[in-house]
């Protein structure tokens, strides 16, 4: 692999892409309103309640 011209650039490019993606996810997590996460976290519980109510006669 060392005989291929320019092969040393691939690890650097991969690291830059990973780092940028990580930063974008981090910015998204901290900039999103906490209520969105609370709502998403309660969705499975809400669906369970609706299913139980439908199953009861």
C-alpha atoms as a PDB file:
ATOM      1  CA  UNK A   1       0.000   0.000   0.000  1.00  0.00           C
ATOM      2  CA  UNK A   2       2.905   2.371   0.559  1.00  0.00           C
ATOM      3  CA  UNK A   3       3.796   2.123  -3.115  1.00  0.00           C
ATOM      4  CA  UNK A   4       0.510   3.784  -4.113  1.00  0.00           C
ATOM      5  CA  UNK A   5       0.940   7.516  -4.629  1.00  0.00           C
ATOM      6  CA  UNK A   6      -1.077   9.641  -2.217  1.00  0.00           C
ATOM      7  CA  UNK A   7      -2.211   6.766   0.012  1.00  0.00           C
ATOM      8  CA  UNK A   8      -1.095   8.665   3.129  1.00  0.00           C
ATOM      9  CA  UNK A   9      -3.901  11.186   2.623  1.00  0.00           C
ATOM     10  CA  UNK A  10      -6.707   8.673   3.278  1.00  0.00           C
ATOM     11  CA  UNK A  11      -6.175   8.341   7.074  1.00  0.00           C
ATOM     12  CA  UNK A  12      -6.006  12.125   7.380  1.00  0.00           C
ATOM     13  CA  UNK A  13      -9.180  12.643   5.362  1.00  0.00           C
ATOM     14  CA  UNK A  14     -10.940   9.911   7.371  1.00  0.00           C
ATOM     15  CA  UNK A  15      -9.948  11.555  10.645  1.00  0.00           C
ATOM     16  CA  UNK A  16     -11.168  14.955   9.453  1.00  0.00           C
ATOM     17  CA  UNK A  17     -14.523  13.507   8.318  1.00  0.00           C
ATOM     18  CA  UNK A  18     -14.974  11.682  11.642  1.00  0.00           C
ATOM     19  CA  UNK A  19     -14.051  14.777  13.643  1.00  0.00           C
ATOM     20  CA  UNK A  20     -16.422  17.023  11.683  1.00  0.00           C
ATOM     21  CA  UNK A  21     -19.274  14.511  12.022  1.00  0.00           C
ATOM     22  CA  UNK A  22     -18.637  14.232  15.770  1.00  0.00           C
ATOM     23  CA  UNK A  23     -18.668  18.014  16.124  1.00  0.00           C
ATOM     24  CA  UNK A  24     -21.914  18.318  14.144  1.00  0.00           C
ATOM     25  CA  UNK A  25     -23.610  15.701  16.313  1.00  0.00           C
ATOM     26  CA  UNK A  26     -22.332  17.419  19.452  1.00  0.00           C
ATOM     27  CA  UNK A  27     -23.636  20.807  18.294  1.00  0.00           C
ATOM     28  CA  UNK A  28     -26.989  19.263  17.380  1.00  0.00           C
ATOM     29  CA  UNK A  29     -27.358  17.566  20.770  1.00  0.00           C
ATOM     30  CA  UNK A  30     -26.594  20.698  22.747  1.00  0.00           C
ATOM     31  CA  UNK A  31     -28.605  23.052  20.540  1.00  0.00           C
ATOM     32  CA  UNK A  32     -31.799  20.960  20.465  1.00  0.00           C
ATOM     33  CA  UNK A  33     -34.430  21.773  23.051  1.00  0.00           C
ATOM     34  CA  UNK A  34     -34.525  19.343  25.970  1.00  0.00           C
ATOM     35  CA  UNK A  35     -38.306  18.955  25.581  1.00  0.00           C
ATOM     36  CA  UNK A  36     -37.781  17.191  22.242  1.00  0.00           C
ATOM     37  CA  UNK A  37     -35.678  14.529  23.951  1.00  0.00           C
ATOM     38  CA  UNK A  38     -38.171  14.165  26.785  1.00  0.00           C
ATOM     39  CA  UNK A  39     -41.009  13.735  24.272  1.00  0.00           C
ATOM     40  CA  UNK A  40     -39.034  11.150  22.289  1.00  0.00           C
ATOM     41  CA  UNK A  41     -38.127   9.341  25.501  1.00  0.00           C
ATOM     42  CA  UNK A  42     -41.772   9.091  26.535  1.00  0.00           C
ATOM     43  CA  UNK A  43     -43.030   7.789  23.174  1.00  0.00           C
ATOM     44  CA  UNK A  44     -42.590   4.088  24.026  1.00  0.00           C
ATOM     45  CA  UNK A  45     -44.449   4.610  27.294  1.00  0.00           C
ATOM     46  CA  UNK A  46     -47.283   6.470  25.560  1.00  0.00           C
ATOM     47  CA  UNK A  47     -47.689   3.707  22.971  1.00  0.00           C
ATOM     48  CA  UNK A  48     -47.775   1.083  25.709  1.00  0.00           C
ATOM     49  CA  UNK A  49     -50.572   2.941  27.518  1.00  0.00           C
ATOM     50  CA  UNK A  50     -52.637   3.194  24.320  1.00  0.00           C
ATOM     51  CA  UNK A  51     -52.133  -0.509  23.585  1.00  0.00           C
ATOM     52  CA  UNK A  52     -53.232  -1.524  27.079  1.00  0.00           C
ATOM     53  CA  UNK A  53     -56.334   0.677  26.891  1.00  0.00           C
ATOM     54  CA  UNK A  54     -57.304  -0.799  23.530  1.00  0.00           C
ATOM     55  CA  UNK A  55     -56.849  -4.360  24.804  1.00  0.00           C
ATOM     56  CA  UNK A  56     -59.072  -3.853  27.851  1.00  0.00           C
ATOM     57  CA  UNK A  57     -62.799  -4.393  27.239  1.00  0.00           C
END
